[in-house]
């Protein structure tokens, strides 16, 4: 049933599984848990599988193509959870005031043509990967923060990040909200201009760890071991954000940098991670109140059939 989960006949061998992520700094807890041996200590042999859009991670986890997903929360994930196919287990990144966040980007030509402030972007075409992605929700909340009617947004979907980047660079869309490192790479290349992090305008629960509800029912020890190792990686990663001068921070940043920026030298990669790492709750707790708000918004915009109770889709009992 679970293509991603293979138990062996010998008790002393590791359980093989796959975890789906995007190659972003917010996936850092997974990278650290693998690099530091936290997964192996829990009896798990974890393969990291990279995706180009968060909704496809949720679909892969629900189908058993991967065992766990650690990525942004989307309408697709919420619909699968409401249908009893996915369960959210722990938090990942959050947008939080005073911390780096996903960046509001404007095509450079448009910026030089006068689209140089938040108030000016909403009449321009906005690009995202898929409807129901976090940036869809963020764009609407950003409009609300500026007292702009969100139903006036001109939204175009491009299915994955490479397509979205190409559309933004070419001017097919004027603006987008994109996470580091892609956002910072675009800025460094001169293709876009940042109007600042989204976290300057609002906070929300951006991402989570989730698995199929069937795995949760059938293999609770595997779930317990994974969550325990993930939580250790989360605690190490949180030092980058919460204690940037602590002794463990450089090592954690270098570890994440190797995965996110494999083409860069270690110190440059670590510096980019230090400058852009999103806030995380070091215990893995979720902002349940914000998830409830997200569910209401997705339902109001026709992306959810109905609003499930949060305790129907969230199970944090494995967190310590």
C-alpha atoms as a PDB file:
ATOM      1  CA  UNK A   1       0.000   0.000   0.000  1.00  0.00           C
ATOM      2  CA  UNK A   2       2.780   2.411   0.850  1.00  0.00           C
ATOM      3  CA  UNK A   3       5.247   2.540  -2.027  1.00  0.00           C
ATOM      4  CA  UNK A   4       7.514   4.755   0.045  1.00  0.00           C
ATOM      5  CA  UNK A   5       7.694   2.480   3.101  1.00  0.00           C
ATOM      6  CA  UNK A   6       9.664  -0.773   3.094  1.00  0.00           C
ATOM      7  CA  UNK A   7      10.223  -2.809   6.259  1.00  0.00           C
ATOM      8  CA  UNK A   8      12.856  -5.535   6.175  1.00  0.00           C
ATOM      9  CA  UNK A   9      12.778  -9.042   7.546  1.00  0.00           C
ATOM     10  CA  UNK A  10      15.639  -8.335   9.922  1.00  0.00           C
ATOM     11  CA  UNK A  11      14.779  -6.389  13.055  1.00  0.00           C
ATOM     12  CA  UNK A  12      18.120  -4.584  13.174  1.00  0.00           C
ATOM     13  CA  UNK A  13      17.758  -3.015   9.697  1.00  0.00           C
ATOM     14  CA  UNK A  14      16.351   0.429   9.097  1.00  0.00           C
ATOM     15  CA  UNK A  15      12.868   1.256   7.854  1.00  0.00           C
ATOM     16  CA  UNK A  16      13.165   2.883   4.443  1.00  0.00           C
ATOM     17  CA  UNK A  17      10.905   5.826   3.685  1.00  0.00           C
ATOM     18  CA  UNK A  18      10.657   8.952   1.561  1.00  0.00           C
ATOM     19  CA  UNK A  19       9.962  12.532   2.591  1.00  0.00           C
ATOM     20  CA  UNK A  20       8.860  15.134   0.064  1.00  0.00           C
ATOM     21  CA  UNK A  21      10.116  18.725   0.288  1.00  0.00           C
ATOM     22  CA  UNK A  22      10.880  21.782  -1.805  1.00  0.00           C
ATOM     23  CA  UNK A  23      14.514  22.875  -1.968  1.00  0.00           C
ATOM     24  CA  UNK A  24      13.912  25.823   0.366  1.00  0.00           C
ATOM     25  CA  UNK A  25      15.537  26.878   3.632  1.00  0.00           C
ATOM     26  CA  UNK A  26      12.210  26.128   5.369  1.00  0.00           C
ATOM     27  CA  UNK A  27      12.899  22.430   4.686  1.00  0.00           C
ATOM     28  CA  UNK A  28      15.981  22.809   6.908  1.00  0.00           C
ATOM     29  CA  UNK A  29      14.731  20.663   9.826  1.00  0.00           C
ATOM     30  CA  UNK A  30      14.544  17.674   7.472  1.00  0.00           C
ATOM     31  CA  UNK A  31      18.022  18.326   6.069  1.00  0.00           C
ATOM     32  CA  UNK A  32      19.474  18.636   9.573  1.00  0.00           C
ATOM     33  CA  UNK A  33      17.713  15.526  10.897  1.00  0.00           C
ATOM     34  CA  UNK A  34      19.150  13.518   8.018  1.00  0.00           C
ATOM     35  CA  UNK A  35      22.641  15.005   8.219  1.00  0.00           C
ATOM     36  CA  UNK A  36      22.916  14.712  12.005  1.00  0.00           C
ATOM     37  CA  UNK A  37      21.705  11.101  12.018  1.00  0.00           C
ATOM     38  CA  UNK A  38      18.491  11.825  13.934  1.00  0.00           C
ATOM     39  CA  UNK A  39      16.451   9.760  11.478  1.00  0.00           C
ATOM     40  CA  UNK A  40      18.936   6.902  11.585  1.00  0.00           C
ATOM     41  CA  UNK A  41      18.926   6.965  15.399  1.00  0.00           C
ATOM     42  CA  UNK A  42      15.159   6.532  15.194  1.00  0.00           C
ATOM     43  CA  UNK A  43      15.597   3.431  13.012  1.00  0.00           C
ATOM     44  CA  UNK A  44      14.762   5.209   9.758  1.00  0.00           C
ATOM     45  CA  UNK A  45      16.553   5.357   6.419  1.00  0.00           C
ATOM     46  CA  UNK A  46      15.131   8.550   4.899  1.00  0.00           C
ATOM     47  CA  UNK A  47      15.354   9.486   1.231  1.00  0.00           C
ATOM     48  CA  UNK A  48      14.622  13.145   0.444  1.00  0.00           C
ATOM     49  CA  UNK A  49      12.494  13.683  -2.676  1.00  0.00           C
ATOM     50  CA  UNK A  50      12.368  17.185  -4.186  1.00  0.00           C
ATOM     51  CA  UNK A  51       9.210  18.679  -5.701  1.00  0.00           C
ATOM     52  CA  UNK A  52       8.491  21.878  -7.633  1.00  0.00           C
ATOM     53  CA  UNK A  53       5.140  22.801  -6.023  1.00  0.00           C
ATOM     54  CA  UNK A  54       3.662  22.242  -2.572  1.00  0.00           C
ATOM     55  CA  UNK A  55       0.261  20.828  -3.713  1.00  0.00           C
ATOM     56  CA  UNK A  56       1.989  17.932  -5.460  1.00  0.00           C
ATOM     57  CA  UNK A  57       3.735  17.006  -2.195  1.00  0.00           C
ATOM     58  CA  UNK A  58       0.351  16.639  -0.491  1.00  0.00           C
ATOM     59  CA  UNK A  59      -0.985  14.478  -3.321  1.00  0.00           C
ATOM     60  CA  UNK A  60       2.123  12.282  -3.232  1.00  0.00           C
ATOM     61  CA  UNK A  61       1.822  11.769   0.531  1.00  0.00           C
ATOM     62  CA  UNK A  62      -1.870  10.895   0.310  1.00  0.00           C
ATOM     63  CA  UNK A  63      -1.221   8.324  -2.450  1.00  0.00           C
ATOM     64  CA  UNK A  64       1.753   6.693  -0.689  1.00  0.00           C
ATOM     65  CA  UNK A  65       4.270   7.824  -3.315  1.00  0.00           C
ATOM     66  CA  UNK A  66       6.109   9.418  -0.389  1.00  0.00           C
ATOM     67  CA  UNK A  67       5.734   8.636   3.306  1.00  0.00           C
ATOM     68  CA  UNK A  68       5.825  12.163   4.736  1.00  0.00           C
ATOM     69  CA  UNK A  69       5.582  15.684   3.338  1.00  0.00           C
ATOM     70  CA  UNK A  70       7.160  18.788   4.852  1.00  0.00           C
ATOM     71  CA  UNK A  71       6.092  21.840   2.918  1.00  0.00           C
ATOM     72  CA  UNK A  72       3.610  24.685   2.658  1.00  0.00           C
ATOM     73  CA  UNK A  73      -0.039  24.155   3.556  1.00  0.00           C
ATOM     74  CA  UNK A  74      -2.323  24.432   0.539  1.00  0.00           C
ATOM     75  CA  UNK A  75      -5.961  24.002  -0.419  1.00  0.00           C
ATOM     76  CA  UNK A  76      -4.967  20.626  -1.876  1.00  0.00           C
ATOM     77  CA  UNK A  77      -3.555  19.496   1.483  1.00  0.00           C
ATOM     78  CA  UNK A  78      -6.617  20.739   3.359  1.00  0.00           C
ATOM     79  CA  UNK A  79      -8.993  18.973   0.965  1.00  0.00           C
ATOM     80  CA  UNK A  80      -7.091  15.706   1.317  1.00  0.00           C
ATOM     81  CA  UNK A  81      -7.056  16.074   5.089  1.00  0.00           C
ATOM     82  CA  UNK A  82     -10.784  16.812   5.144  1.00  0.00           C
ATOM     83  CA  UNK A  83     -11.360  13.652   3.080  1.00  0.00           C
ATOM     84  CA  UNK A  84      -9.476  11.614   5.677  1.00  0.00           C
ATOM     85  CA  UNK A  85      -6.445  10.960   3.469  1.00  0.00           C
ATOM     86  CA  UNK A  86      -3.872  13.255   5.148  1.00  0.00           C
ATOM     87  CA  UNK A  87      -3.118  14.201   8.750  1.00  0.00           C
ATOM     88  CA  UNK A  88      -1.099  17.254   9.796  1.00  0.00           C
ATOM     89  CA  UNK A  89       1.404  16.337  12.512  1.00  0.00           C
ATOM     90  CA  UNK A  90       3.610  19.349  13.259  1.00  0.00           C
ATOM     91  CA  UNK A  91       4.554  22.824  12.153  1.00  0.00           C
ATOM     92  CA  UNK A  92       7.137  23.992   9.666  1.00  0.00           C
ATOM     93  CA  UNK A  93       7.816  27.634   8.722  1.00  0.00           C
ATOM     94  CA  UNK A  94       5.703  30.597   9.796  1.00  0.00           C
ATOM     95  CA  UNK A  95       5.460  34.127   8.515  1.00  0.00           C
ATOM     96  CA  UNK A  96       6.105  36.212  11.628  1.00  0.00           C
ATOM     97  CA  UNK A  97       6.641  39.928  12.083  1.00  0.00           C
ATOM     98  CA  UNK A  98      10.275  40.849  12.716  1.00  0.00           C
ATOM     99  CA  UNK A  99      11.639  37.787  10.903  1.00  0.00           C
ATOM    100  CA  UNK A 100      12.561  37.086   7.265  1.00  0.00           C
ATOM    101  CA  UNK A 101       9.740  35.808   5.112  1.00  0.00           C
ATOM    102  CA  UNK A 102       8.625  35.135   1.599  1.00  0.00           C
ATOM    103  CA  UNK A 103       9.351  38.191  -0.531  1.00  0.00           C
ATOM    104  CA  UNK A 104       6.952  40.388  -2.489  1.00  0.00           C
ATOM    105  CA  UNK A 105       8.687  40.671  -5.857  1.00  0.00           C
ATOM    106  CA  UNK A 106       8.055  42.993  -8.789  1.00  0.00           C
ATOM    107  CA  UNK A 107       9.405  42.536 -12.294  1.00  0.00           C
ATOM    108  CA  UNK A 108      12.271  45.029 -12.675  1.00  0.00           C
ATOM    109  CA  UNK A 109      10.916  46.668 -15.840  1.00  0.00           C
ATOM    110  CA  UNK A 110       7.546  47.211 -14.129  1.00  0.00           C
ATOM    111  CA  UNK A 111       9.287  48.590 -11.042  1.00  0.00           C
ATOM    112  CA  UNK A 112      11.261  51.063 -13.114  1.00  0.00           C
ATOM    113  CA  UNK A 113       8.010  51.956 -14.865  1.00  0.00           C
ATOM    114  CA  UNK A 114       6.438  53.069 -11.590  1.00  0.00           C
ATOM    115  CA  UNK A 115       5.095  49.908  -9.915  1.00  0.00           C
ATOM    116  CA  UNK A 116       7.364  50.605  -6.974  1.00  0.00           C
ATOM    117  CA  UNK A 117       5.133  50.366  -3.890  1.00  0.00           C
ATOM    118  CA  UNK A 118       2.763  47.845  -2.346  1.00  0.00           C
ATOM    119  CA  UNK A 119      -0.284  50.052  -2.998  1.00  0.00           C
ATOM    120  CA  UNK A 120       0.443  50.005  -6.730  1.00  0.00           C
ATOM    121  CA  UNK A 121       0.725  46.266  -7.366  1.00  0.00           C
ATOM    122  CA  UNK A 122      -2.853  45.110  -6.976  1.00  0.00           C
ATOM    123  CA  UNK A 123      -4.068  46.295 -10.389  1.00  0.00           C
ATOM    124  CA  UNK A 124      -1.224  44.323 -11.986  1.00  0.00           C
ATOM    125  CA  UNK A 125      -1.249  40.578 -12.869  1.00  0.00           C
ATOM    126  CA  UNK A 126      -0.118  38.368  -9.985  1.00  0.00           C
ATOM    127  CA  UNK A 127       1.624  35.052 -10.606  1.00  0.00           C
ATOM    128  CA  UNK A 128       1.560  31.852  -8.535  1.00  0.00           C
ATOM    129  CA  UNK A 129       2.149  28.150  -9.019  1.00  0.00           C
ATOM    130  CA  UNK A 130      -1.366  26.836  -8.405  1.00  0.00           C
ATOM    131  CA  UNK A 131      -4.653  28.229  -7.168  1.00  0.00           C
ATOM    132  CA  UNK A 132      -4.952  27.441  -3.468  1.00  0.00           C
ATOM    133  CA  UNK A 133      -1.223  27.753  -2.865  1.00  0.00           C
ATOM    134  CA  UNK A 134       0.020  29.778   0.124  1.00  0.00           C
ATOM    135  CA  UNK A 135       0.893  32.744  -2.085  1.00  0.00           C
ATOM    136  CA  UNK A 136      -2.748  32.838  -3.225  1.00  0.00           C
ATOM    137  CA  UNK A 137      -3.801  33.275   0.397  1.00  0.00           C
ATOM    138  CA  UNK A 138      -0.947  35.720   1.025  1.00  0.00           C
ATOM    139  CA  UNK A 139      -1.877  37.922  -1.934  1.00  0.00           C
ATOM    140  CA  UNK A 140      -5.447  38.168  -0.667  1.00  0.00           C
ATOM    141  CA  UNK A 141      -4.332  38.958   2.888  1.00  0.00           C
ATOM    142  CA  UNK A 142      -1.866  41.530   1.550  1.00  0.00           C
ATOM    143  CA  UNK A 143      -4.685  43.207  -0.372  1.00  0.00           C
ATOM    144  CA  UNK A 144      -6.823  43.220   2.783  1.00  0.00           C
ATOM    145  CA  UNK A 145      -3.993  44.865   4.727  1.00  0.00           C
ATOM    146  CA  UNK A 146      -4.020  47.708   2.187  1.00  0.00           C
ATOM    147  CA  UNK A 147      -7.842  47.941   2.157  1.00  0.00           C
ATOM    148  CA  UNK A 148      -7.945  46.661  -1.429  1.00  0.00           C
ATOM    149  CA  UNK A 149     -10.784  44.379  -2.534  1.00  0.00           C
ATOM    150  CA  UNK A 150      -9.223  40.959  -3.047  1.00  0.00           C
ATOM    151  CA  UNK A 151     -11.761  40.004  -5.704  1.00  0.00           C
ATOM    152  CA  UNK A 152     -10.068  42.550  -7.947  1.00  0.00           C
ATOM    153  CA  UNK A 153      -6.788  40.625  -8.057  1.00  0.00           C
ATOM    154  CA  UNK A 154      -5.656  39.442 -11.506  1.00  0.00           C
ATOM    155  CA  UNK A 155      -4.278  35.960 -10.776  1.00  0.00           C
ATOM    156  CA  UNK A 156      -2.463  33.671 -13.216  1.00  0.00           C
ATOM    157  CA  UNK A 157      -1.326  30.141 -12.327  1.00  0.00           C
ATOM    158  CA  UNK A 158       1.756  28.486 -13.856  1.00  0.00           C
ATOM    159  CA  UNK A 159       1.688  25.064 -12.151  1.00  0.00           C
ATOM    160  CA  UNK A 160       5.285  24.994 -10.893  1.00  0.00           C
ATOM    161  CA  UNK A 161       8.077  27.284  -9.740  1.00  0.00           C
ATOM    162  CA  UNK A 162      10.242  27.237 -12.909  1.00  0.00           C
ATOM    163  CA  UNK A 163       7.248  28.321 -14.990  1.00  0.00           C
ATOM    164  CA  UNK A 164       6.336  31.036 -12.480  1.00  0.00           C
ATOM    165  CA  UNK A 165       9.897  32.369 -12.419  1.00  0.00           C
ATOM    166  CA  UNK A 166       9.987  32.514 -16.217  1.00  0.00           C
ATOM    167  CA  UNK A 167       6.665  34.376 -16.284  1.00  0.00           C
ATOM    168  CA  UNK A 168       7.837  36.918 -13.714  1.00  0.00           C
ATOM    169  CA  UNK A 169      11.159  37.527 -15.453  1.00  0.00           C
ATOM    170  CA  UNK A 170       9.516  37.975 -18.847  1.00  0.00           C
ATOM    171  CA  UNK A 171       6.843  40.342 -17.548  1.00  0.00           C
ATOM    172  CA  UNK A 172       3.964  37.954 -18.258  1.00  0.00           C
ATOM    173  CA  UNK A 173       3.038  38.735 -14.660  1.00  0.00           C
ATOM    174  CA  UNK A 174       4.121  41.827 -12.762  1.00  0.00           C
ATOM    175  CA  UNK A 175       4.433  40.504  -9.237  1.00  0.00           C
ATOM    176  CA  UNK A 176       4.625  37.360  -7.142  1.00  0.00           C
ATOM    177  CA  UNK A 177       5.295  36.240  -3.594  1.00  0.00           C
ATOM    178  CA  UNK A 178       8.174  33.741  -3.572  1.00  0.00           C
ATOM    179  CA  UNK A 179      10.292  32.093  -0.890  1.00  0.00           C
ATOM    180  CA  UNK A 180      14.068  32.223  -0.572  1.00  0.00           C
ATOM    181  CA  UNK A 181      16.283  30.988  -2.134  1.00  0.00           C
ATOM    182  CA  UNK A 182      14.521  31.465  -5.463  1.00  0.00           C
ATOM    183  CA  UNK A 183      13.438  34.988  -4.540  1.00  0.00           C
ATOM    184  CA  UNK A 184      16.905  36.081  -3.451  1.00  0.00           C
ATOM    185  CA  UNK A 185      18.503  34.527  -6.537  1.00  0.00           C
ATOM    186  CA  UNK A 186      16.130  36.530  -8.751  1.00  0.00           C
ATOM    187  CA  UNK A 187      16.982  39.720  -6.859  1.00  0.00           C
ATOM    188  CA  UNK A 188      20.726  39.049  -7.109  1.00  0.00           C
ATOM    189  CA  UNK A 189      20.362  38.466 -10.854  1.00  0.00           C
ATOM    190  CA  UNK A 190      18.645  41.852 -11.254  1.00  0.00           C
ATOM    191  CA  UNK A 191      15.478  40.330 -12.698  1.00  0.00           C
ATOM    192  CA  UNK A 192      13.169  41.602  -9.961  1.00  0.00           C
ATOM    193  CA  UNK A 193      12.985  44.102  -7.121  1.00  0.00           C
ATOM    194  CA  UNK A 194      11.770  43.217  -3.629  1.00  0.00           C
ATOM    195  CA  UNK A 195       9.102  45.342  -1.968  1.00  0.00           C
ATOM    196  CA  UNK A 196       9.906  43.595   1.315  1.00  0.00           C
ATOM    197  CA  UNK A 197       8.966  40.403   3.120  1.00  0.00           C
ATOM    198  CA  UNK A 198       5.326  39.424   3.475  1.00  0.00           C
ATOM    199  CA  UNK A 199       5.971  39.161   7.211  1.00  0.00           C
ATOM    200  CA  UNK A 200       6.044  42.985   7.306  1.00  0.00           C
ATOM    201  CA  UNK A 201       2.299  42.900   6.589  1.00  0.00           C
ATOM    202  CA  UNK A 202       0.966  39.772   8.274  1.00  0.00           C
ATOM    203  CA  UNK A 203       1.686  36.505  10.059  1.00  0.00           C
ATOM    204  CA  UNK A 204       0.449  33.029   9.260  1.00  0.00           C
ATOM    205  CA  UNK A 205       1.241  29.320   9.536  1.00  0.00           C
ATOM    206  CA  UNK A 206       3.036  28.714   6.274  1.00  0.00           C
ATOM    207  CA  UNK A 207       3.995  25.044   6.388  1.00  0.00           C
ATOM    208  CA  UNK A 208       3.630  21.733   8.170  1.00  0.00           C
ATOM    209  CA  UNK A 209       4.681  18.110   8.437  1.00  0.00           C
ATOM    210  CA  UNK A 210       1.993  15.677   7.314  1.00  0.00           C
ATOM    211  CA  UNK A 211       1.499  12.025   6.413  1.00  0.00           C
ATOM    212  CA  UNK A 212      -1.243   9.801   5.074  1.00  0.00           C
ATOM    213  CA  UNK A 213      -3.944   9.041   7.601  1.00  0.00           C
ATOM    214  CA  UNK A 214      -3.634   5.342   6.714  1.00  0.00           C
ATOM    215  CA  UNK A 215       0.047   5.303   7.709  1.00  0.00           C
ATOM    216  CA  UNK A 216      -0.817   7.044  10.961  1.00  0.00           C
ATOM    217  CA  UNK A 217      -3.306   4.278  11.751  1.00  0.00           C
ATOM    218  CA  UNK A 218      -1.174   1.339  10.584  1.00  0.00           C
ATOM    219  CA  UNK A 219       2.400   2.370  11.494  1.00  0.00           C
ATOM    220  CA  UNK A 220       2.265   4.636  14.578  1.00  0.00           C
ATOM    221  CA  UNK A 221       5.800   3.680  15.634  1.00  0.00           C
ATOM    222  CA  UNK A 222       7.169   4.872  12.278  1.00  0.00           C
ATOM    223  CA  UNK A 223       5.279   8.144  12.696  1.00  0.00           C
ATOM    224  CA  UNK A 224       6.524   8.519  16.274  1.00  0.00           C
ATOM    225  CA  UNK A 225      10.134   7.943  15.246  1.00  0.00           C
ATOM    226  CA  UNK A 226       9.939  10.361  12.329  1.00  0.00           C
ATOM    227  CA  UNK A 227       8.288  13.125  14.342  1.00  0.00           C
ATOM    228  CA  UNK A 228      10.838  12.731  17.141  1.00  0.00           C
ATOM    229  CA  UNK A 229      13.756  13.048  14.698  1.00  0.00           C
ATOM    230  CA  UNK A 230      12.081  15.914  12.850  1.00  0.00           C
ATOM    231  CA  UNK A 231      11.529  17.753  16.124  1.00  0.00           C
ATOM    232  CA  UNK A 232      15.242  17.489  16.917  1.00  0.00           C
ATOM    233  CA  UNK A 233      16.060  18.904  13.491  1.00  0.00           C
ATOM    234  CA  UNK A 234      13.512  21.654  14.078  1.00  0.00           C
ATOM    235  CA  UNK A 235      15.145  22.606  17.365  1.00  0.00           C
ATOM    236  CA  UNK A 236      18.577  22.809  15.716  1.00  0.00           C
ATOM    237  CA  UNK A 237      17.177  24.811  12.810  1.00  0.00           C
ATOM    238  CA  UNK A 238      15.384  27.257  15.099  1.00  0.00           C
ATOM    239  CA  UNK A 239      18.751  28.438  16.412  1.00  0.00           C
ATOM    240  CA  UNK A 240      19.374  30.062  13.016  1.00  0.00           C
ATOM    241  CA  UNK A 241      16.328  32.262  13.570  1.00  0.00           C
ATOM    242  CA  UNK A 242      16.099  32.598  17.350  1.00  0.00           C
ATOM    243  CA  UNK A 243      19.737  32.497  18.447  1.00  0.00           C
ATOM    244  CA  UNK A 244      21.845  33.692  15.515  1.00  0.00           C
ATOM    245  CA  UNK A 245      24.939  34.089  17.720  1.00  0.00           C
ATOM    246  CA  UNK A 246      24.697  30.700  19.435  1.00  0.00           C
ATOM    247  CA  UNK A 247      27.542  28.179  18.882  1.00  0.00           C
ATOM    248  CA  UNK A 248      25.273  25.768  17.004  1.00  0.00           C
ATOM    249  CA  UNK A 249      24.029  28.252  14.443  1.00  0.00           C
ATOM    250  CA  UNK A 250      26.928  28.186  11.965  1.00  0.00           C
ATOM    251  CA  UNK A 251      26.820  24.400  11.759  1.00  0.00           C
ATOM    252  CA  UNK A 252      23.048  24.334  11.262  1.00  0.00           C
ATOM    253  CA  UNK A 253      23.257  27.046   8.603  1.00  0.00           C
ATOM    254  CA  UNK A 254      26.072  25.249   6.780  1.00  0.00           C
ATOM    255  CA  UNK A 255      24.096  22.006   6.832  1.00  0.00           C
ATOM    256  CA  UNK A 256      20.973  23.603   5.369  1.00  0.00           C
ATOM    257  CA  UNK A 257      23.084  25.584   2.908  1.00  0.00           C
ATOM    258  CA  UNK A 258      24.586  22.404   1.429  1.00  0.00           C
ATOM    259  CA  UNK A 259      21.108  21.155   0.509  1.00  0.00           C
ATOM    260  CA  UNK A 260      19.568  24.447  -0.614  1.00  0.00           C
ATOM    261  CA  UNK A 261      22.609  25.876  -2.444  1.00  0.00           C
ATOM    262  CA  UNK A 262      24.662  22.833  -3.504  1.00  0.00           C
ATOM    263  CA  UNK A 263      26.402  24.895  -6.197  1.00  0.00           C
ATOM    264  CA  UNK A 264      27.826  27.493  -3.750  1.00  0.00           C
ATOM    265  CA  UNK A 265      30.808  27.353  -1.428  1.00  0.00           C
ATOM    266  CA  UNK A 266      29.764  26.414   2.145  1.00  0.00           C
ATOM    267  CA  UNK A 267      30.301  29.813   3.758  1.00  0.00           C
ATOM    268  CA  UNK A 268      28.401  31.719   1.059  1.00  0.00           C
ATOM    269  CA  UNK A 269      25.551  29.226   1.241  1.00  0.00           C
ATOM    270  CA  UNK A 270      25.441  29.450   5.041  1.00  0.00           C
ATOM    271  CA  UNK A 271      25.341  33.246   4.872  1.00  0.00           C
ATOM    272  CA  UNK A 272      22.363  33.171   2.519  1.00  0.00           C
ATOM    273  CA  UNK A 273      20.536  30.794   4.874  1.00  0.00           C
ATOM    274  CA  UNK A 274      21.274  33.016   7.876  1.00  0.00           C
ATOM    275  CA  UNK A 275      19.819  36.008   6.038  1.00  0.00           C
ATOM    276  CA  UNK A 276      16.610  34.362   4.868  1.00  0.00           C
ATOM    277  CA  UNK A 277      15.563  31.580   7.252  1.00  0.00           C
ATOM    278  CA  UNK A 278      11.862  31.814   8.087  1.00  0.00           C
ATOM    279  CA  UNK A 279      10.656  31.660  11.682  1.00  0.00           C
ATOM    280  CA  UNK A 280       9.761  28.264  13.143  1.00  0.00           C
ATOM    281  CA  UNK A 281       8.280  27.262  16.461  1.00  0.00           C
ATOM    282  CA  UNK A 282      11.150  25.218  17.940  1.00  0.00           C
ATOM    283  CA  UNK A 283       8.711  22.717  19.477  1.00  0.00           C
ATOM    284  CA  UNK A 284       6.867  22.125  16.214  1.00  0.00           C
ATOM    285  CA  UNK A 285       3.563  23.466  17.533  1.00  0.00           C
ATOM    286  CA  UNK A 286       1.142  24.800  14.956  1.00  0.00           C
ATOM    287  CA  UNK A 287      -0.726  28.100  14.992  1.00  0.00           C
ATOM    288  CA  UNK A 288      -4.098  26.348  15.017  1.00  0.00           C
ATOM    289  CA  UNK A 289      -6.055  29.605  15.159  1.00  0.00           C
ATOM    290  CA  UNK A 290      -4.443  30.770  11.930  1.00  0.00           C
ATOM    291  CA  UNK A 291      -5.102  27.418  10.252  1.00  0.00           C
ATOM    292  CA  UNK A 292      -8.770  27.873  11.166  1.00  0.00           C
ATOM    293  CA  UNK A 293      -8.675  31.298   9.450  1.00  0.00           C
ATOM    294  CA  UNK A 294      -7.039  29.774   6.382  1.00  0.00           C
ATOM    295  CA  UNK A 295      -9.731  27.109   6.168  1.00  0.00           C
ATOM    296  CA  UNK A 296     -12.450  29.757   6.294  1.00  0.00           C
ATOM    297  CA  UNK A 297     -10.743  31.757   3.528  1.00  0.00           C
ATOM    298  CA  UNK A 298     -10.287  28.740   1.251  1.00  0.00           C
ATOM    299  CA  UNK A 299     -13.944  27.788   1.747  1.00  0.00           C
ATOM    300  CA  UNK A 300     -15.123  31.359   1.053  1.00  0.00           C
ATOM    301  CA  UNK A 301     -13.137  31.351  -2.196  1.00  0.00           C
ATOM    302  CA  UNK A 302     -14.476  28.037  -3.456  1.00  0.00           C
ATOM    303  CA  UNK A 303     -11.309  26.052  -2.814  1.00  0.00           C
ATOM    304  CA  UNK A 304     -12.752  23.911  -0.005  1.00  0.00           C
ATOM    305  CA  UNK A 305     -16.143  22.199  -0.020  1.00  0.00           C
ATOM    306  CA  UNK A 306     -16.628  22.897   3.669  1.00  0.00           C
ATOM    307  CA  UNK A 307     -14.584  23.869   6.726  1.00  0.00           C
ATOM    308  CA  UNK A 308     -13.387  20.840   8.705  1.00  0.00           C
ATOM    309  CA  UNK A 309     -12.803  21.137  12.464  1.00  0.00           C
ATOM    310  CA  UNK A 310      -9.081  21.607  13.066  1.00  0.00           C
ATOM    311  CA  UNK A 311      -8.986  18.570  15.378  1.00  0.00           C
ATOM    312  CA  UNK A 312     -10.239  16.489  12.424  1.00  0.00           C
ATOM    313  CA  UNK A 313      -7.155  17.281  10.325  1.00  0.00           C
ATOM    314  CA  UNK A 314      -4.433  17.962  12.958  1.00  0.00           C
ATOM    315  CA  UNK A 315      -2.866  15.414  15.333  1.00  0.00           C
ATOM    316  CA  UNK A 316       0.000  16.800  17.445  1.00  0.00           C
ATOM    317  CA  UNK A 317       0.104  13.969  19.993  1.00  0.00           C
ATOM    318  CA  UNK A 318       3.542  12.803  18.819  1.00  0.00           C
ATOM    319  CA  UNK A 319       5.194  16.108  19.660  1.00  0.00           C
ATOM    320  CA  UNK A 320       7.177  16.204  22.890  1.00  0.00           C
END
